[in-house]
Amino acid sequence: MRIRLDIAYDGTHFRGWARQPHLRTVQGTLEDALARIVGGDPRLVVAGRTDAGVHASGQVAHVDLDEAQAARLPRRRNDPGADPVASLAGRVRGVLGAYPDVTVRRTSLAPDGFDARFSAVWRRYVYRLADARTGYDPLLRAATTTVKADLDVDRMDAAARSLIGLHDFAAYCKAREEATTIRTLLEYDWHRGADGVLVAHVRADAFCHSMVRALVGACVAVGEGRLAVEDVVAIRDAGLRTADTKVLAARGLVLAEVGYPADDLLAARAEQTRNRRDADDIGS
């Protein structure tokens, strides 16, 4: 039985998504909660492994349960018709306790062919940034990065939009051995919200390590006047990381949404993604 989990978390006090020995992570916390409910050693497969300090409002994962674990799914005595898969989310929330920094919003039976990671067609992130014009709000410090400059959001937006498309983003990624840096950036824009905070929407088929925060740093350099709008494309095309663009703090970054195709295309998409990753590894 494969179950989809829709997840949200405040990443401030987590050392990222991926389970690590002796460190508190989102995956480790949720898998421990699941084990208390269904037993065994449940393992989550996630749409996007977020770094330490990064938040999520629309993270997606799946877990496979064997027959013994499926038999332990919560069943309500006073409502025998209730869906035990849907009830799992509430049971997990109960194990996590009051006011946790991670929650499972929904659990559902995964459609045939669904893979939280490989079936995804895009991921969308939101980045929040306060500047000198906005001012510092201590109530938002855990989810908003602050810079001291007065940023030109129109120049930032123009720079962001110039980066959209299929390109090699090695200049905006932390290198990882045998990993491709070619990505399709589907959406990147900046605007000021009603509260004055600068907000970026960044959507791509996938992201390499620290890519979103590096792209944000490049546009901040443009907003500060340290780089011209056209410089961000020149840096990308040069293919080399530069000190002119900083990787901004994780606190302002939220994984907001993961996109999937129609149910009848899930398996084909997963196979296509796996084949592409294998080819990338072979060609590295």
Protein backbone atom coordinates (compact mmCIF):
# COMPACT_ATOMS: atom_id res chain seq x y z
CA MET A 1 0.00 0.00 0.00
CA ARG A 2 1.45 3.37 -1.03
CA ILE A 3 0.23 6.44 0.86
CA ARG A 4 0.72 10.08 -0.13
CA LEU A 5 1.44 12.57 2.65
CA ASP A 6 0.99 16.33 2.29
CA ILE A 7 3.34 17.99 4.74
CA ALA A 8 4.19 21.43 6.15
CA TYR A 9 7.00 22.46 8.48
CA ASP A 10 8.94 25.32 9.98
CA GLY A 11 12.52 24.37 9.13
CA THR A 12 14.18 26.65 11.69
CA HIS A 13 15.17 23.93 14.13
CA PHE A 14 15.58 21.05 11.66
CA ARG A 15 18.86 20.06 10.04
CA GLY A 16 17.10 19.71 6.73
CA TRP A 17 14.76 17.04 5.40
CA ALA A 18 16.99 13.98 5.11
CA ARG A 19 17.43 11.64 8.06
CA GLN A 20 20.89 11.95 9.64
CA PRO A 21 22.32 10.09 12.64
CA HIS A 22 22.02 12.03 15.90
CA LEU A 23 20.50 15.09 14.20
CA ARG A 24 16.91 16.31 14.23
CA THR A 25 15.48 16.23 10.70
CA VAL A 26 11.99 16.40 9.20
CA GLN A 27 12.23 12.91 7.72
CA GLY A 28 13.48 11.40 10.95
CA THR A 29 10.76 13.07 13.02
CA LEU A 30 7.94 11.93 10.73
CA GLU A 31 9.27 8.40 10.26
CA ASP A 32 9.57 7.98 14.03
CA ALA A 33 5.94 9.13 14.41
CA LEU A 34 4.78 6.72 11.69
CA ALA A 35 6.67 3.84 13.30
CA ARG A 36 4.81 4.40 16.56
CA ILE A 37 1.52 4.03 14.69
CA VAL A 38 2.10 1.29 12.09
CA GLY A 39 5.25 -0.36 13.44
CA GLY A 40 8.22 -1.57 11.45
CA ASP A 41 10.65 0.79 9.80
CA PRO A 42 8.65 3.12 7.50
CA ARG A 43 10.70 5.16 5.04
CA LEU A 44 9.50 8.31 3.31
CA VAL A 45 10.29 9.27 -0.29
CA VAL A 46 10.01 13.04 -0.72
CA ALA A 47 9.39 15.37 -3.66
CA GLY A 48 12.23 17.72 -2.72
CA ARG A 49 14.86 17.35 0.00
CA THR A 50 15.06 20.79 1.60
CA ASP A 51 18.21 22.12 3.26
CA ALA A 52 18.63 23.05 6.91
CA GLY A 53 16.43 26.01 7.83
CA VAL A 54 14.21 25.84 4.72
CA HIS A 55 10.46 25.70 5.35
CA ALA A 56 7.62 23.98 3.49
CA SER A 57 3.90 24.60 3.14
CA GLY A 58 3.33 22.16 0.26
CA GLN A 59 5.85 19.33 0.64
CA VAL A 60 4.79 15.89 -0.66
CA ALA A 61 6.09 12.45 0.29
CA HIS A 62 5.00 8.83 0.01
CA VAL A 63 5.44 5.79 2.21
CA ASP A 64 4.95 2.11 1.35
CA LEU A 65 3.30 -0.07 3.99
CA ASP A 66 3.39 -3.86 4.08
CA GLU A 67 0.32 -5.89 5.04
CA ALA A 68 1.14 -5.90 8.75
CA GLN A 69 1.61 -2.13 8.79
CA ALA A 70 -1.54 -1.52 6.76
CA ALA A 71 -3.49 -3.60 9.27
CA ARG A 72 -2.39 -1.17 12.00
CA LEU A 73 -3.79 1.91 10.28
CA PRO A 74 -6.11 3.79 12.66
CA ARG A 75 -9.72 2.62 12.65
CA ARG A 76 -12.44 4.40 14.57
CA ARG A 77 -14.70 2.18 16.64
CA ASN A 78 -17.52 4.71 16.56
CA ASP A 79 -17.19 5.18 12.78
CA PRO A 80 -16.34 1.88 11.09
CA GLY A 81 -16.89 3.46 7.68
CA ALA A 82 -14.12 6.01 8.14
CA ASP A 83 -11.17 5.77 5.77
CA PRO A 84 -8.17 4.49 7.78
CA VAL A 85 -5.72 6.01 5.29
CA ALA A 86 -7.27 9.47 5.66
CA SER A 87 -7.33 8.99 9.45
CA LEU A 88 -3.57 8.42 9.51
CA ALA A 89 -2.84 12.15 9.22
CA GLY A 90 -4.78 12.88 12.41
CA ARG A 91 -3.02 10.09 14.26
CA VAL A 92 0.39 11.42 13.19
CA ARG A 93 -0.58 14.89 14.38
CA GLY A 94 -1.55 13.38 17.71
CA VAL A 95 1.84 11.72 18.07
CA LEU A 96 3.63 14.96 17.17
CA GLY A 97 1.81 16.76 19.99
CA ALA A 98 0.53 20.31 20.43
CA TYR A 99 2.11 23.12 18.39
CA PRO A 100 4.73 21.00 16.55
CA ASP A 101 7.01 22.56 13.93
CA VAL A 102 6.03 19.85 11.43
CA THR A 103 2.62 18.48 10.55
CA VAL A 104 0.93 16.11 8.11
CA ARG A 105 -2.00 17.98 6.63
CA ARG A 106 -3.46 15.09 4.66
CA THR A 107 -2.90 11.42 3.93
CA SER A 108 -4.43 9.68 0.94
CA LEU A 109 -4.11 6.45 -1.00
CA ALA A 110 -1.61 7.13 -3.77
CA PRO A 111 -2.87 6.57 -7.33
CA ASP A 112 -1.27 3.78 -9.35
CA GLY A 113 2.17 4.82 -10.59
CA PHE A 114 2.55 7.69 -8.13
CA ASP A 115 6.07 8.47 -6.91
CA ALA A 116 6.42 11.61 -4.79
CA ARG A 117 9.87 12.33 -6.23
CA PHE A 118 9.96 10.99 -9.76
CA SER A 119 6.36 11.69 -10.79
CA ALA A 120 6.68 15.41 -10.01
CA VAL A 121 6.79 17.73 -13.02
CA TRP A 122 7.72 20.90 -11.14
CA ARG A 123 8.42 22.39 -7.71
CA ARG A 124 7.53 25.96 -6.72
CA TYR A 125 9.34 27.92 -4.03
CA VAL A 126 8.53 31.29 -2.46
CA TYR A 127 11.21 33.55 -1.00
CA ARG A 128 10.42 36.45 1.37
CA LEU A 129 12.84 39.33 1.76
CA ALA A 130 12.58 42.48 3.88
CA ASP A 131 14.73 45.47 2.94
CA ALA A 132 15.36 48.95 4.36
CA ARG A 133 12.03 50.19 3.01
CA THR A 134 10.09 47.35 4.62
CA GLY A 135 11.84 47.38 7.98
CA TYR A 136 12.43 44.50 10.35
CA ASP A 137 9.49 42.66 11.89
CA PRO A 138 10.57 40.37 14.76
CA LEU A 139 7.36 38.35 14.44
CA LEU A 140 8.36 37.31 10.91
CA ARG A 141 12.08 36.75 11.56
CA ALA A 142 11.85 32.94 11.21
CA ALA A 143 10.41 33.12 7.68
CA THR A 144 11.84 36.33 6.22
CA THR A 145 15.42 37.23 5.32
CA THR A 146 16.44 40.85 5.95
CA VAL A 147 18.92 43.00 4.02
CA LYS A 148 19.87 46.58 4.89
CA ALA A 149 19.68 48.05 1.37
CA ASP A 150 16.67 49.71 -0.27
CA LEU A 151 16.10 47.30 -3.15
CA ASP A 152 14.84 48.17 -6.63
CA VAL A 153 12.20 45.48 -7.15
CA ASP A 154 11.59 46.37 -10.81
CA ARG A 155 15.23 45.71 -11.70
CA MET A 156 15.15 42.50 -9.67
CA ASP A 157 12.05 41.34 -11.51
CA ALA A 158 13.59 42.09 -14.90
CA ALA A 159 16.74 40.16 -13.97
CA ALA A 160 14.72 37.21 -12.69
CA ARG A 161 12.60 36.93 -15.83
CA SER A 162 15.71 37.01 -18.03
CA LEU A 163 16.87 33.72 -16.50
CA ILE A 164 13.75 31.71 -17.43
CA GLY A 165 14.21 28.73 -19.74
CA LEU A 166 16.25 25.56 -20.19
CA HIS A 167 19.86 26.30 -19.25
CA ASP A 168 22.89 25.05 -17.39
CA PHE A 169 22.67 26.71 -13.95
CA ALA A 170 26.08 25.57 -12.68
CA ALA A 171 26.91 29.18 -11.75
CA TYR A 172 23.94 29.19 -9.39
CA CYS A 173 24.39 25.74 -7.82
CA LYS A 174 26.67 24.17 -5.26
CA ALA A 175 28.46 21.46 -7.18
CA ARG A 176 27.69 17.83 -6.41
CA GLU A 177 29.64 15.01 -7.99
CA GLU A 178 27.80 13.17 -10.79
CA ALA A 179 24.83 15.55 -10.68
CA THR A 180 23.56 17.59 -13.62
CA THR A 181 23.04 21.33 -13.29
CA ILE A 182 20.83 21.63 -16.38
CA ARG A 183 17.36 22.73 -15.33
CA THR A 184 14.24 24.26 -16.87
CA LEU A 185 13.37 27.41 -14.94
CA LEU A 186 9.65 27.83 -15.62
CA GLU A 187 8.88 30.90 -13.53
CA TYR A 188 10.90 33.52 -11.66
CA ASP A 189 9.56 36.93 -10.68
CA TRP A 190 9.69 39.51 -7.89
CA HIS A 191 7.06 41.86 -6.45
CA ARG A 192 6.31 43.69 -3.21
CA GLY A 193 3.48 42.27 -1.15
CA ALA A 194 0.84 44.37 0.61
CA ASP A 195 3.09 44.46 3.69
CA GLY A 196 6.03 45.79 1.67
CA VAL A 197 8.01 42.55 1.86
CA LEU A 198 9.63 41.50 -1.42
CA VAL A 199 8.35 38.12 -2.60
CA ALA A 200 9.85 35.87 -5.26
CA HIS A 201 8.12 32.95 -6.95
CA VAL A 202 10.55 30.41 -8.41
CA ARG A 203 9.31 27.32 -10.26
CA ALA A 204 11.35 24.71 -12.13
CA ASP A 205 11.20 21.08 -13.16
CA ALA A 206 13.80 20.44 -10.44
CA PHE A 207 16.45 22.36 -8.53
CA CYS A 208 20.10 21.65 -7.87
CA HIS A 209 21.73 22.28 -4.49
CA SER A 210 21.20 25.87 -3.20
CA MET A 211 19.94 26.98 -6.62
CA VAL A 212 16.96 29.03 -5.41
CA ARG A 213 18.94 30.92 -2.77
CA ALA A 214 21.73 31.61 -5.27
CA LEU A 215 19.24 32.95 -7.82
CA VAL A 216 17.76 35.15 -5.10
CA GLY A 217 21.24 36.41 -4.20
CA ALA A 218 21.90 37.36 -7.81
CA CYS A 219 18.73 39.42 -8.02
CA VAL A 220 19.45 41.10 -4.68
CA ALA A 221 22.81 42.20 -6.12
CA VAL A 222 20.88 43.73 -9.03
CA GLY A 223 18.41 45.38 -6.65
CA GLU A 224 21.30 46.90 -4.70
CA GLY A 225 22.89 48.23 -7.89
CA ARG A 226 26.01 46.06 -7.62
CA LEU A 227 25.11 44.17 -10.81
CA ALA A 228 23.34 45.20 -14.01
CA VAL A 229 20.20 43.36 -15.07
CA GLU A 230 22.03 41.68 -17.95
CA ASP A 231 24.85 40.49 -15.67
CA VAL A 232 22.80 37.65 -14.20
CA VAL A 233 22.54 35.98 -17.62
CA ALA A 234 26.24 36.58 -18.32
CA ILE A 235 27.11 34.89 -15.02
CA ARG A 236 24.83 31.96 -15.85
CA ASP A 237 26.31 31.53 -19.31
CA ALA A 238 29.87 31.70 -17.98
CA GLY A 239 29.05 28.63 -15.90
CA LEU A 240 31.22 29.59 -12.94
CA ARG A 241 30.20 30.65 -9.46
CA THR A 242 31.17 34.18 -8.51
CA ALA A 243 31.52 36.15 -5.29
CA ASP A 244 29.28 38.84 -6.84
CA THR A 245 26.21 36.69 -6.05
CA LYS A 246 25.67 35.39 -2.54
CA VAL A 247 23.61 32.39 -1.44
CA LEU A 248 21.02 34.03 0.80
CA ALA A 249 19.79 32.65 4.12
CA ALA A 250 17.50 29.62 4.25
CA ARG A 251 15.01 31.30 6.57
CA GLY A 252 13.26 33.17 3.75
CA LEU A 253 12.66 30.09 1.60
CA VAL A 254 9.48 28.00 1.52
CA LEU A 255 8.67 24.99 -0.66
CA ALA A 256 5.14 26.02 -1.54
CA GLU A 257 3.85 23.49 -4.06
CA VAL A 258 4.73 20.38 -6.05
CA GLY A 259 3.06 19.75 -9.40
CA TYR A 260 2.06 16.33 -10.74
CA PRO A 261 0.51 15.21 -14.03
CA ALA A 262 -2.89 13.54 -14.38
CA ASP A 263 -3.16 10.18 -12.64
CA ASP A 264 -2.91 8.20 -15.87
CA LEU A 265 0.44 9.86 -16.65
CA LEU A 266 2.09 9.38 -13.23
CA ALA A 267 3.88 6.11 -14.01
CA ALA A 268 5.16 7.34 -17.39
CA ARG A 269 6.46 10.53 -15.82
CA ALA A 270 8.26 8.59 -13.07
CA GLU A 271 9.89 6.30 -15.63
CA GLN A 272 10.93 9.25 -17.79
CA THR A 273 12.51 11.04 -14.82
CA ARG A 274 14.38 7.95 -13.64
CA ASN A 275 15.75 7.33 -17.13
CA ARG A 276 16.90 10.94 -17.41
CA ARG A 277 18.65 10.82 -14.03
CA ASP A 278 20.38 7.57 -15.04
CA ALA A 279 21.55 9.13 -18.31
CA ASP A 280 22.82 12.20 -16.44
CA ASP A 281 24.85 9.99 -14.12
CA ILE A 282 26.32 8.00 -17.01
CA GLY A 283 27.30 11.14 -18.86
CA SER A 284 28.87 12.91 -15.89
